Amino acid sequence: MAKPPPPAKSPKPPGGRTRMRTLDILIVVIGFLGIIGYNRLSIARLQRSLPNANNLIVGEWKSKYGNEHLIFRPDKTVSLIVVQAPAPATTTDGQQPDAKAPEAASNGGGETPLMAPPVEGKYQLTEGGKIYIQLTNGKKYSTLIQPANKNRFDLIDSFTEGVTTYERQPTGAPPPEPKSSKG
C-alpha cells in the first residue's frame, strides 16, 4: 500500500485573525472618500440640470380673467395689486353721459383705473417648483410652476380651494402705479 501524501500547511486556528496592513487601510479609506466624492459630483450635476423655480416666478403676473396683479421679487416678497374699474363719468348736472362719452374716455380721455393699496407678503419655494404664498392679510395660496409651461400657473386659495389662472406679463412693461381713490 502506498504512503498517504504529507498534509498541507495547517490552516490558522479559528480564534486567530489576520492582521490588516497599512496598505489595506489606505485602500479602504481612499475607496470610501472616492465614493463620497462621486456622489457629491452627481448631486451637483443634478442640481444644475433642475430648473430654478425662483428664476421662473420672479416678475409680474396678471390674472387671466380678473383684475389682480402679482409681483414676485427675488428677495422672496410678493405684492398683490387689485385694479378697480374707474367710476362711470357723470356730467356737471349729475346725469350719465351719452354713449359717445365712454368712447372718448377710452380714446385718451385721461381716465385711468384706480388701484387698491397692494397687499404684501412672502413666498417660499420648495423642491419640484411648488410655491407657497402667505400674504399679510392672512390669505394663503399655493401653486406649481412647471418648466414646460413657465408663463402660466394656477394659484390655489388654501381656504376656498378656488383656482385663479395667472399669466406672465412682458418684462419691459413697468408694474402699474397705485393711484389713490382721493380725487
N, C-alpha and C. Protein backbone atom coordinates (compact mmCIF):
# COMPACT_ATOMS: atom_id res chain seq x y z
N MET A 1 0.81 -1.14 0.00
CA MET A 1 0.00 0.00 0.00
C MET A 1 0.87 1.23 0.00
N ALA A 2 0.32 2.29 -0.65
CA ALA A 2 1.13 3.49 -0.80
C ALA A 2 0.97 4.40 0.40
N LYS A 3 1.99 5.16 0.60
CA LYS A 3 2.00 6.10 1.72
C LYS A 3 1.09 7.29 1.40
N PRO A 4 0.30 7.74 2.38
CA PRO A 4 -0.52 8.93 2.11
C PRO A 4 0.38 10.15 1.94
N PRO A 5 -0.10 11.11 1.10
CA PRO A 5 0.71 12.31 0.89
C PRO A 5 0.83 13.11 2.18
N PRO A 6 1.90 13.87 2.30
CA PRO A 6 2.04 14.66 3.53
C PRO A 6 0.95 15.73 3.61
N PRO A 7 0.47 16.01 4.79
CA PRO A 7 -0.59 17.02 4.91
C PRO A 7 -0.07 18.40 4.51
N ALA A 8 -1.00 19.23 3.89
CA ALA A 8 -0.65 20.60 3.51
C ALA A 8 -0.51 21.43 4.78
N LYS A 9 -0.08 22.69 4.58
CA LYS A 9 0.07 23.54 5.76
C LYS A 9 -1.26 23.63 6.48
N SER A 10 -1.21 23.55 7.73
CA SER A 10 -2.44 23.58 8.50
C SER A 10 -3.01 25.01 8.51
N PRO A 11 -4.32 25.12 8.39
CA PRO A 11 -4.93 26.46 8.45
C PRO A 11 -4.78 27.04 9.84
N LYS A 12 -4.97 28.38 9.90
CA LYS A 12 -4.84 29.06 11.19
C LYS A 12 -5.94 28.59 12.12
N PRO A 13 -5.68 28.60 13.36
CA PRO A 13 -6.73 28.20 14.30
C PRO A 13 -7.91 29.16 14.20
N PRO A 14 -9.13 28.71 14.49
CA PRO A 14 -10.32 29.54 14.33
C PRO A 14 -10.29 30.82 15.15
N GLY A 15 -9.65 30.95 16.19
CA GLY A 15 -9.64 32.15 17.02
C GLY A 15 -8.66 33.20 16.53
N GLY A 16 -7.80 32.94 15.60
CA GLY A 16 -6.79 33.90 15.17
C GLY A 16 -7.30 34.79 14.04
N ARG A 17 -6.83 36.03 13.97
CA ARG A 17 -7.22 36.97 12.91
C ARG A 17 -6.01 37.33 12.09
N THR A 18 -6.27 37.63 10.82
CA THR A 18 -5.17 38.13 10.00
C THR A 18 -5.02 39.60 10.29
N ARG A 19 -3.85 40.07 10.21
CA ARG A 19 -3.56 41.46 10.53
C ARG A 19 -3.67 42.32 9.28
N MET A 20 -4.39 43.49 9.39
CA MET A 20 -4.50 44.40 8.25
C MET A 20 -3.23 45.21 8.18
N ARG A 21 -2.74 45.31 6.99
CA ARG A 21 -1.54 46.10 6.81
C ARG A 21 -1.93 47.54 6.49
N THR A 22 -1.00 48.44 6.52
CA THR A 22 -1.21 49.86 6.25
C THR A 22 -1.76 50.08 4.85
N LEU A 23 -1.30 49.33 3.89
CA LEU A 23 -1.75 49.46 2.51
C LEU A 23 -3.23 49.10 2.40
N ASP A 24 -3.67 48.08 3.11
CA ASP A 24 -5.08 47.69 3.09
C ASP A 24 -5.95 48.82 3.66
N ILE A 25 -5.54 49.41 4.74
CA ILE A 25 -6.30 50.51 5.35
C ILE A 25 -6.35 51.71 4.41
N LEU A 26 -5.24 52.01 3.77
CA LEU A 26 -5.18 53.13 2.83
C LEU A 26 -6.13 52.91 1.65
N ILE A 27 -6.19 51.71 1.13
CA ILE A 27 -7.09 51.40 0.01
C ILE A 27 -8.55 51.57 0.43
N VAL A 28 -8.91 51.12 1.63
CA VAL A 28 -10.29 51.25 2.11
C VAL A 28 -10.66 52.73 2.29
N VAL A 29 -9.78 53.53 2.87
CA VAL A 29 -10.06 54.95 3.10
C VAL A 29 -10.19 55.69 1.77
N ILE A 30 -9.28 55.44 0.84
CA ILE A 30 -9.35 56.11 -0.47
C ILE A 30 -10.61 55.69 -1.22
N GLY A 31 -11.00 54.44 -1.15
CA GLY A 31 -12.24 53.98 -1.78
C GLY A 31 -13.46 54.66 -1.18
N PHE A 32 -13.50 54.78 0.14
CA PHE A 32 -14.62 55.43 0.82
C PHE A 32 -14.72 56.90 0.41
N LEU A 33 -13.59 57.61 0.41
CA LEU A 33 -13.58 59.02 0.00
C LEU A 33 -13.94 59.17 -1.48
N GLY A 34 -13.54 58.21 -2.30
CA GLY A 34 -13.88 58.25 -3.73
C GLY A 34 -15.38 58.12 -3.95
N ILE A 35 -16.02 57.24 -3.20
CA ILE A 35 -17.47 57.08 -3.32
C ILE A 35 -18.19 58.34 -2.89
N ILE A 36 -17.76 58.95 -1.79
CA ILE A 36 -18.37 60.20 -1.32
C ILE A 36 -18.19 61.30 -2.37
N GLY A 37 -17.01 61.44 -2.94
CA GLY A 37 -16.76 62.45 -3.95
C GLY A 37 -17.59 62.24 -5.20
N TYR A 38 -17.72 61.00 -5.63
CA TYR A 38 -18.52 60.70 -6.83
C TYR A 38 -19.98 61.06 -6.59
N ASN A 39 -20.51 60.73 -5.41
CA ASN A 39 -21.90 61.08 -5.09
C ASN A 39 -22.10 62.59 -5.05
N ARG A 40 -21.16 63.30 -4.49
CA ARG A 40 -21.27 64.78 -4.43
C ARG A 40 -21.27 65.38 -5.83
N LEU A 41 -20.43 64.89 -6.70
CA LEU A 41 -20.41 65.39 -8.09
C LEU A 41 -21.72 65.08 -8.80
N SER A 42 -22.28 63.92 -8.55
CA SER A 42 -23.55 63.55 -9.18
C SER A 42 -24.68 64.46 -8.69
N ILE A 43 -24.69 64.77 -7.41
CA ILE A 43 -25.71 65.65 -6.85
C ILE A 43 -25.57 67.05 -7.43
N ALA A 44 -24.35 67.54 -7.55
CA ALA A 44 -24.12 68.88 -8.12
C ALA A 44 -24.59 68.92 -9.57
N ARG A 45 -24.34 67.89 -10.34
CA ARG A 45 -24.77 67.85 -11.74
C ARG A 45 -26.29 67.82 -11.82
N LEU A 46 -26.94 67.08 -10.92
CA LEU A 46 -28.39 67.03 -10.90
C LEU A 46 -28.99 68.39 -10.53
N GLN A 47 -28.38 69.08 -9.58
CA GLN A 47 -28.89 70.40 -9.19
C GLN A 47 -28.79 71.40 -10.33
N ARG A 48 -27.75 71.32 -11.12
CA ARG A 48 -27.61 72.22 -12.26
C ARG A 48 -28.62 71.91 -13.36
N SER A 49 -29.05 70.65 -13.45
CA SER A 49 -29.98 70.27 -14.52
C SER A 49 -31.42 70.59 -14.17
N LEU A 50 -31.76 70.70 -12.88
CA LEU A 50 -33.13 71.02 -12.48
C LEU A 50 -33.40 72.50 -12.68
N PRO A 51 -34.62 72.86 -13.08
CA PRO A 51 -34.93 74.27 -13.26
C PRO A 51 -34.98 75.00 -11.93
N ASN A 52 -34.56 76.25 -11.95
CA ASN A 52 -34.61 77.08 -10.76
C ASN A 52 -35.97 77.77 -10.74
N ALA A 53 -36.83 77.35 -9.84
CA ALA A 53 -38.18 77.90 -9.78
C ALA A 53 -38.16 79.38 -9.43
N ASN A 54 -37.14 79.84 -8.70
CA ASN A 54 -37.06 81.25 -8.35
C ASN A 54 -36.91 82.10 -9.61
N ASN A 55 -36.10 81.66 -10.56
CA ASN A 55 -35.96 82.40 -11.80
C ASN A 55 -37.23 82.34 -12.62
N LEU A 56 -38.01 81.29 -12.47
CA LEU A 56 -39.24 81.16 -13.24
C LEU A 56 -40.37 82.02 -12.68
N ILE A 57 -40.37 82.32 -11.41
CA ILE A 57 -41.50 83.01 -10.79
C ILE A 57 -41.31 84.53 -10.69
N VAL A 58 -40.07 85.01 -10.63
CA VAL A 58 -39.82 86.43 -10.42
C VAL A 58 -40.36 87.24 -11.59
N GLY A 59 -41.12 88.28 -11.27
CA GLY A 59 -41.70 89.15 -12.29
C GLY A 59 -43.15 89.47 -11.97
N GLU A 60 -43.81 90.07 -12.95
CA GLU A 60 -45.22 90.45 -12.77
C GLU A 60 -46.12 89.45 -13.47
N TRP A 61 -47.20 89.09 -12.80
CA TRP A 61 -48.18 88.15 -13.31
C TRP A 61 -49.56 88.79 -13.21
N LYS A 62 -50.40 88.58 -14.22
CA LYS A 62 -51.74 89.15 -14.23
C LYS A 62 -52.75 88.03 -14.33
N SER A 63 -53.83 88.14 -13.55
CA SER A 63 -54.86 87.10 -13.62
C SER A 63 -55.51 87.13 -14.99
N LYS A 64 -55.80 85.96 -15.50
CA LYS A 64 -56.30 85.84 -16.87
C LYS A 64 -57.70 86.42 -17.01
N TYR A 65 -58.57 86.19 -16.04
CA TYR A 65 -59.95 86.63 -16.16
C TYR A 65 -60.35 87.65 -15.10
N GLY A 66 -59.39 88.19 -14.38
CA GLY A 66 -59.72 89.12 -13.32
C GLY A 66 -58.92 90.40 -13.43
N ASN A 67 -58.83 91.10 -12.33
CA ASN A 67 -58.14 92.38 -12.31
C ASN A 67 -57.04 92.39 -11.26
N GLU A 68 -56.42 91.24 -11.01
CA GLU A 68 -55.37 91.14 -9.99
C GLU A 68 -54.01 91.01 -10.65
N HIS A 69 -53.03 91.63 -10.02
CA HIS A 69 -51.62 91.52 -10.45
C HIS A 69 -50.81 90.99 -9.27
N LEU A 70 -49.95 90.03 -9.52
CA LEU A 70 -49.00 89.55 -8.52
C LEU A 70 -47.61 89.94 -8.99
N ILE A 71 -46.83 90.50 -8.07
CA ILE A 71 -45.45 90.86 -8.40
C ILE A 71 -44.54 90.10 -7.44
N PHE A 72 -43.76 89.17 -8.02
CA PHE A 72 -42.81 88.38 -7.25
C PHE A 72 -41.43 89.02 -7.37
N ARG A 73 -40.75 89.16 -6.25
CA ARG A 73 -39.41 89.75 -6.23
C ARG A 73 -38.37 88.70 -5.85
N PRO A 74 -37.11 88.91 -6.23
CA PRO A 74 -36.07 87.93 -5.90
C PRO A 74 -35.82 87.78 -4.40
N ASP A 75 -36.19 88.77 -3.59
CA ASP A 75 -35.95 88.68 -2.14
C ASP A 75 -37.07 87.91 -1.42
N LYS A 76 -37.86 87.13 -2.16
CA LYS A 76 -38.92 86.26 -1.64
C LYS A 76 -40.11 87.04 -1.08
N THR A 77 -40.33 88.26 -1.58
CA THR A 77 -41.53 89.02 -1.21
C THR A 77 -42.44 89.07 -2.43
N VAL A 78 -43.73 89.27 -2.15
CA VAL A 78 -44.73 89.31 -3.21
C VAL A 78 -45.72 90.43 -2.89
N SER A 79 -46.27 91.06 -3.93
CA SER A 79 -47.31 92.07 -3.77
C SER A 79 -48.51 91.68 -4.61
N LEU A 80 -49.70 91.81 -4.03
CA LEU A 80 -50.94 91.57 -4.74
C LEU A 80 -51.61 92.92 -4.94
N ILE A 81 -51.83 93.28 -6.19
CA ILE A 81 -52.47 94.56 -6.53
C ILE A 81 -53.79 94.25 -7.22
N VAL A 82 -54.87 94.87 -6.75
CA VAL A 82 -56.18 94.70 -7.37
C VAL A 82 -56.53 96.01 -8.05
N VAL A 83 -56.73 95.94 -9.37
CA VAL A 83 -57.08 97.12 -10.16
C VAL A 83 -58.59 97.24 -10.16
N GLN A 84 -59.09 98.40 -9.75
CA GLN A 84 -60.52 98.64 -9.71
C GLN A 84 -60.93 99.40 -10.95
N ALA A 85 -62.09 99.09 -11.48
CA ALA A 85 -62.59 99.80 -12.65
C ALA A 85 -62.91 101.24 -12.27
N PRO A 86 -62.65 102.19 -13.18
CA PRO A 86 -62.96 103.59 -12.84
C PRO A 86 -64.47 103.79 -12.72
N ALA A 87 -64.84 104.75 -11.87
CA ALA A 87 -66.25 105.07 -11.71
C ALA A 87 -66.78 105.68 -13.00
N PRO A 88 -68.04 105.43 -13.36
CA PRO A 88 -68.57 106.00 -14.60
C PRO A 88 -68.58 107.52 -14.51
N ALA A 89 -68.24 108.14 -15.62
CA ALA A 89 -68.17 109.60 -15.67
C ALA A 89 -69.58 110.18 -15.62
N THR A 90 -69.72 111.31 -14.93
CA THR A 90 -71.02 111.99 -14.87
C THR A 90 -70.83 113.40 -15.38
N THR A 91 -71.90 113.96 -15.88
CA THR A 91 -71.85 115.34 -16.37
C THR A 91 -72.01 116.28 -15.19
N THR A 92 -71.88 117.58 -15.44
CA THR A 92 -71.95 118.56 -14.35
C THR A 92 -73.33 118.61 -13.70
N ASP A 93 -74.37 118.21 -14.43
CA ASP A 93 -75.71 118.24 -13.84
C ASP A 93 -76.08 116.90 -13.19
N GLY A 94 -75.10 115.97 -13.07
CA GLY A 94 -75.34 114.71 -12.38
C GLY A 94 -75.89 113.62 -13.27
N GLN A 95 -76.14 113.90 -14.54
CA GLN A 95 -76.69 112.92 -15.46
C GLN A 95 -75.56 112.05 -16.03
N GLN A 96 -75.93 110.84 -16.44
CA GLN A 96 -74.96 109.97 -17.11
C GLN A 96 -74.68 110.54 -18.50
N PRO A 97 -73.43 110.45 -18.95
CA PRO A 97 -73.11 110.96 -20.27
C PRO A 97 -73.73 110.08 -21.35
N ASP A 98 -73.77 110.62 -22.56
CA ASP A 98 -74.33 109.85 -23.67
C ASP A 98 -73.37 108.74 -24.09
N ALA A 99 -73.75 107.97 -25.08
CA ALA A 99 -72.97 106.79 -25.47
C ALA A 99 -71.60 107.14 -26.01
N LYS A 100 -71.38 108.38 -26.44
CA LYS A 100 -70.09 108.76 -27.01
C LYS A 100 -69.05 109.03 -25.93
N ALA A 101 -69.46 109.33 -24.72
CA ALA A 101 -68.52 109.69 -23.66
C ALA A 101 -67.59 108.53 -23.27
N PRO A 102 -68.07 107.30 -23.08
CA PRO A 102 -67.13 106.23 -22.74
C PRO A 102 -66.12 106.00 -23.86
N GLU A 103 -66.57 106.20 -25.08
CA GLU A 103 -65.66 106.05 -26.21
C GLU A 103 -64.57 107.12 -26.16
N ALA A 104 -64.96 108.34 -25.80
CA ALA A 104 -63.98 109.42 -25.70
C ALA A 104 -63.01 109.15 -24.55
N ALA A 105 -63.55 108.61 -23.44
CA ALA A 105 -62.68 108.33 -22.30
C ALA A 105 -61.68 107.23 -22.63
N SER A 106 -62.10 106.24 -23.41
CA SER A 106 -61.18 105.17 -23.75
C SER A 106 -60.17 105.61 -24.81
N ASN A 107 -60.44 106.68 -25.50
CA ASN A 107 -59.52 107.19 -26.52
C ASN A 107 -58.63 108.29 -25.97
N GLY A 108 -58.28 108.22 -24.74
CA GLY A 108 -57.35 109.19 -24.19
C GLY A 108 -58.02 110.26 -23.38
N GLY A 109 -59.17 109.99 -22.82
CA GLY A 109 -59.88 110.95 -22.03
C GLY A 109 -59.23 111.18 -20.67
N GLY A 110 -58.14 110.51 -20.36
CA GLY A 110 -57.43 110.72 -19.11
C GLY A 110 -57.90 109.83 -17.99
N GLU A 111 -58.89 108.99 -18.21
CA GLU A 111 -59.38 108.08 -17.17
C GLU A 111 -58.38 106.94 -17.00
N THR A 112 -57.91 106.73 -15.79
CA THR A 112 -57.04 105.59 -15.51
C THR A 112 -57.69 104.77 -14.41
N PRO A 113 -57.50 103.47 -14.43
CA PRO A 113 -58.13 102.66 -13.38
C PRO A 113 -57.53 102.96 -12.02
N LEU A 114 -58.38 102.85 -11.00
CA LEU A 114 -57.93 103.04 -9.62
C LEU A 114 -57.42 101.71 -9.09
N MET A 115 -56.50 101.78 -8.15
CA MET A 115 -55.97 100.57 -7.55
C MET A 115 -56.07 100.63 -6.04
N ALA A 116 -56.42 99.51 -5.48
CA ALA A 116 -56.40 99.39 -4.02
C ALA A 116 -54.94 99.32 -3.59
N PRO A 117 -54.63 99.67 -2.37
CA PRO A 117 -53.24 99.54 -1.92
C PRO A 117 -52.79 98.09 -2.04
N PRO A 118 -51.54 97.87 -2.42
CA PRO A 118 -51.08 96.48 -2.59
C PRO A 118 -51.01 95.74 -1.26
N VAL A 119 -51.29 94.45 -1.31
CA VAL A 119 -51.16 93.58 -0.15
C VAL A 119 -49.82 92.88 -0.28
N GLU A 120 -48.98 93.07 0.72
CA GLU A 120 -47.63 92.49 0.69
C GLU A 120 -47.64 91.10 1.31
N GLY A 121 -46.59 90.36 1.07
CA GLY A 121 -46.48 89.04 1.65
C GLY A 121 -45.15 88.41 1.30
N LYS A 122 -45.02 87.15 1.59
CA LYS A 122 -43.80 86.40 1.32
C LYS A 122 -44.17 85.12 0.59
N TYR A 123 -43.22 84.62 -0.20
CA TYR A 123 -43.44 83.32 -0.84
C TYR A 123 -42.25 82.43 -0.55
N GLN A 124 -42.51 81.13 -0.58
CA GLN A 124 -41.49 80.13 -0.28
C GLN A 124 -41.50 79.09 -1.38
N LEU A 125 -40.31 78.76 -1.86
CA LEU A 125 -40.16 77.75 -2.90
C LEU A 125 -39.77 76.42 -2.27
N THR A 126 -40.32 75.34 -2.79
CA THR A 126 -39.92 74.02 -2.34
C THR A 126 -39.46 73.22 -3.55
N GLU A 127 -38.97 72.04 -3.29
CA GLU A 127 -38.48 71.21 -4.38
C GLU A 127 -39.60 70.88 -5.35
N GLY A 128 -39.26 70.78 -6.60
CA GLY A 128 -40.24 70.42 -7.62
C GLY A 128 -41.03 71.60 -8.14
N GLY A 129 -40.71 72.83 -7.75
CA GLY A 129 -41.40 74.00 -8.27
C GLY A 129 -42.66 74.39 -7.51
N LYS A 130 -42.93 73.79 -6.37
CA LYS A 130 -44.11 74.14 -5.57
C LYS A 130 -43.83 75.45 -4.85
N ILE A 131 -44.80 76.37 -4.89
CA ILE A 131 -44.64 77.70 -4.29
C ILE A 131 -45.79 77.94 -3.33
N TYR A 132 -45.46 78.40 -2.13
CA TYR A 132 -46.44 78.75 -1.11
C TYR A 132 -46.37 80.25 -0.88
N ILE A 133 -47.54 80.91 -0.87
CA ILE A 133 -47.62 82.36 -0.69
C ILE A 133 -48.41 82.64 0.58
N GLN A 134 -47.86 83.52 1.42
CA GLN A 134 -48.52 83.95 2.65
C GLN A 134 -48.60 85.47 2.60
N LEU A 135 -49.81 86.02 2.52
CA LEU A 135 -49.99 87.48 2.47
C LEU A 135 -50.23 88.01 3.88
N THR A 136 -49.99 89.31 4.06
CA THR A 136 -50.14 89.93 5.38
C THR A 136 -51.60 89.98 5.83
N ASN A 137 -52.56 89.86 4.90
CA ASN A 137 -53.96 89.87 5.29
C ASN A 137 -54.44 88.49 5.73
N GLY A 138 -53.53 87.51 5.83
CA GLY A 138 -53.85 86.19 6.33
C GLY A 138 -54.17 85.16 5.25
N LYS A 139 -54.28 85.58 4.02
CA LYS A 139 -54.60 84.63 2.96
C LYS A 139 -53.37 83.81 2.58
N LYS A 140 -53.62 82.54 2.27
CA LYS A 140 -52.55 81.63 1.88
C LYS A 140 -52.90 81.01 0.53
N TYR A 141 -51.89 80.91 -0.31
CA TYR A 141 -52.08 80.35 -1.64
C TYR A 141 -50.94 79.37 -1.93
N SER A 142 -51.15 78.51 -2.91
CA SER A 142 -50.09 77.62 -3.37
C SER A 142 -50.23 77.45 -4.87
N THR A 143 -49.12 77.10 -5.51
CA THR A 143 -49.12 76.86 -6.95
C THR A 143 -47.94 75.97 -7.29
N LEU A 144 -47.91 75.53 -8.52
CA LEU A 144 -46.83 74.69 -9.01
C LEU A 144 -46.37 75.28 -10.34
N ILE A 145 -45.11 75.69 -10.40
CA ILE A 145 -44.53 76.20 -11.64
C ILE A 145 -43.91 75.02 -12.37
N GLN A 146 -44.34 74.83 -13.60
CA GLN A 146 -43.82 73.72 -14.39
C GLN A 146 -42.94 74.28 -15.50
N PRO A 147 -41.75 73.68 -15.71
CA PRO A 147 -40.85 74.19 -16.74
C PRO A 147 -41.46 74.15 -18.14
N ALA A 148 -42.36 73.22 -18.39
CA ALA A 148 -42.97 73.13 -19.71
C ALA A 148 -43.93 74.29 -19.97
N ASN A 149 -44.51 74.87 -18.93
CA ASN A 149 -45.46 75.96 -19.09
C ASN A 149 -45.10 77.05 -18.10
N LYS A 150 -43.97 77.72 -18.34
CA LYS A 150 -43.45 78.66 -17.36
C LYS A 150 -44.03 80.06 -17.45
N ASN A 151 -44.98 80.32 -18.35
CA ASN A 151 -45.60 81.63 -18.46
C ASN A 151 -47.04 81.63 -17.94
N ARG A 152 -47.44 80.56 -17.26
CA ARG A 152 -48.78 80.47 -16.72
C ARG A 152 -48.76 79.55 -15.50
N PHE A 153 -49.55 79.89 -14.49
CA PHE A 153 -49.74 79.00 -13.36
C PHE A 153 -51.13 79.20 -12.79
N ASP A 154 -51.61 78.19 -12.08
CA ASP A 154 -52.90 78.24 -11.41
C ASP A 154 -52.66 78.43 -9.92
N LEU A 155 -53.15 79.53 -9.38
CA LEU A 155 -52.98 79.85 -7.96
C LEU A 155 -54.19 79.30 -7.20
N ILE A 156 -53.92 78.51 -6.18
CA ILE A 156 -54.99 77.85 -5.42
C ILE A 156 -55.11 78.50 -4.05
N ASP A 157 -56.29 79.00 -3.73
CA ASP A 157 -56.56 79.58 -2.42
C ASP A 157 -56.72 78.43 -1.43
N SER A 158 -55.96 78.47 -0.34
CA SER A 158 -55.97 77.34 0.60
C SER A 158 -57.26 77.27 1.42
N PHE A 159 -58.00 78.38 1.55
CA PHE A 159 -59.23 78.37 2.34
C PHE A 159 -60.42 77.92 1.50
N THR A 160 -60.56 78.45 0.29
CA THR A 160 -61.73 78.15 -0.54
C THR A 160 -61.46 77.10 -1.61
N GLU A 161 -60.20 76.75 -1.81
CA GLU A 161 -59.78 75.83 -2.88
C GLU A 161 -60.12 76.40 -4.26
N GLY A 162 -60.38 77.70 -4.33
CA GLY A 162 -60.63 78.36 -5.62
C GLY A 162 -59.34 78.50 -6.41
N VAL A 163 -59.45 78.43 -7.72
CA VAL A 163 -58.28 78.49 -8.59
C VAL A 163 -58.37 79.72 -9.48
N THR A 164 -57.27 80.48 -9.55
CA THR A 164 -57.15 81.63 -10.44
C THR A 164 -55.94 81.42 -11.32
N THR A 165 -56.13 81.60 -12.62
CA THR A 165 -55.02 81.42 -13.56
C THR A 165 -54.31 82.75 -13.76
N TYR A 166 -52.99 82.72 -13.68
CA TYR A 166 -52.16 83.90 -13.87
C TYR A 166 -51.24 83.69 -15.06
N GLU A 167 -51.00 84.77 -15.80
CA GLU A 167 -50.09 84.73 -16.94
C GLU A 167 -49.01 85.77 -16.74
N ARG A 168 -47.81 85.46 -17.20
CA ARG A 168 -46.67 86.37 -17.07
C ARG A 168 -46.88 87.60 -17.95
N GLN A 169 -46.54 88.74 -17.41
CA GLN A 169 -46.60 89.99 -18.16
C GLN A 169 -45.23 90.24 -18.80
N PRO A 170 -45.19 90.96 -19.91
CA PRO A 170 -43.90 91.26 -20.52
C PRO A 170 -43.00 91.99 -19.54
N THR A 171 -41.70 91.68 -19.57
CA THR A 171 -40.77 92.26 -18.60
C THR A 171 -40.49 93.72 -18.87
N GLY A 172 -40.70 94.20 -20.06
CA GLY A 172 -40.40 95.59 -20.38
C GLY A 172 -41.41 96.56 -19.80
N ALA A 173 -42.63 96.10 -19.54
CA ALA A 173 -43.67 96.98 -19.03
C ALA A 173 -43.53 97.11 -17.51
N PRO A 174 -43.48 98.35 -17.00
CA PRO A 174 -43.39 98.51 -15.54
C PRO A 174 -44.72 98.15 -14.90
N PRO A 175 -44.71 97.73 -13.64
CA PRO A 175 -45.98 97.42 -12.96
C PRO A 175 -46.81 98.67 -12.83
N PRO A 176 -48.13 98.53 -12.78
CA PRO A 176 -48.98 99.70 -12.67
C PRO A 176 -48.73 100.44 -11.36
N GLU A 177 -48.75 101.75 -11.44
CA GLU A 177 -48.55 102.57 -10.26
C GLU A 177 -49.87 102.73 -9.51
N PRO A 178 -49.88 102.51 -8.21
CA PRO A 178 -51.12 102.69 -7.46
C PRO A 178 -51.57 104.14 -7.49
N LYS A 179 -52.88 104.34 -7.70
CA LYS A 179 -53.44 105.68 -7.70
C LYS A 179 -54.48 105.73 -6.60
N SER A 180 -54.39 106.71 -5.76
CA SER A 180 -55.33 106.78 -4.64
C SER A 180 -56.72 107.11 -5.16
N SER A 181 -57.73 106.74 -4.40
CA SER A 181 -59.11 106.99 -4.80
C SER A 181 -59.54 108.41 -4.45
N LYS A 182 -58.67 109.18 -3.81
CA LYS A 182 -58.99 110.57 -3.49
C LYS A 182 -58.88 111.39 -4.77
N GLY A 183 -59.83 112.27 -5.00
CA GLY A 183 -59.93 112.99 -6.25
C GLY A 183 -59.08 114.19 -6.25
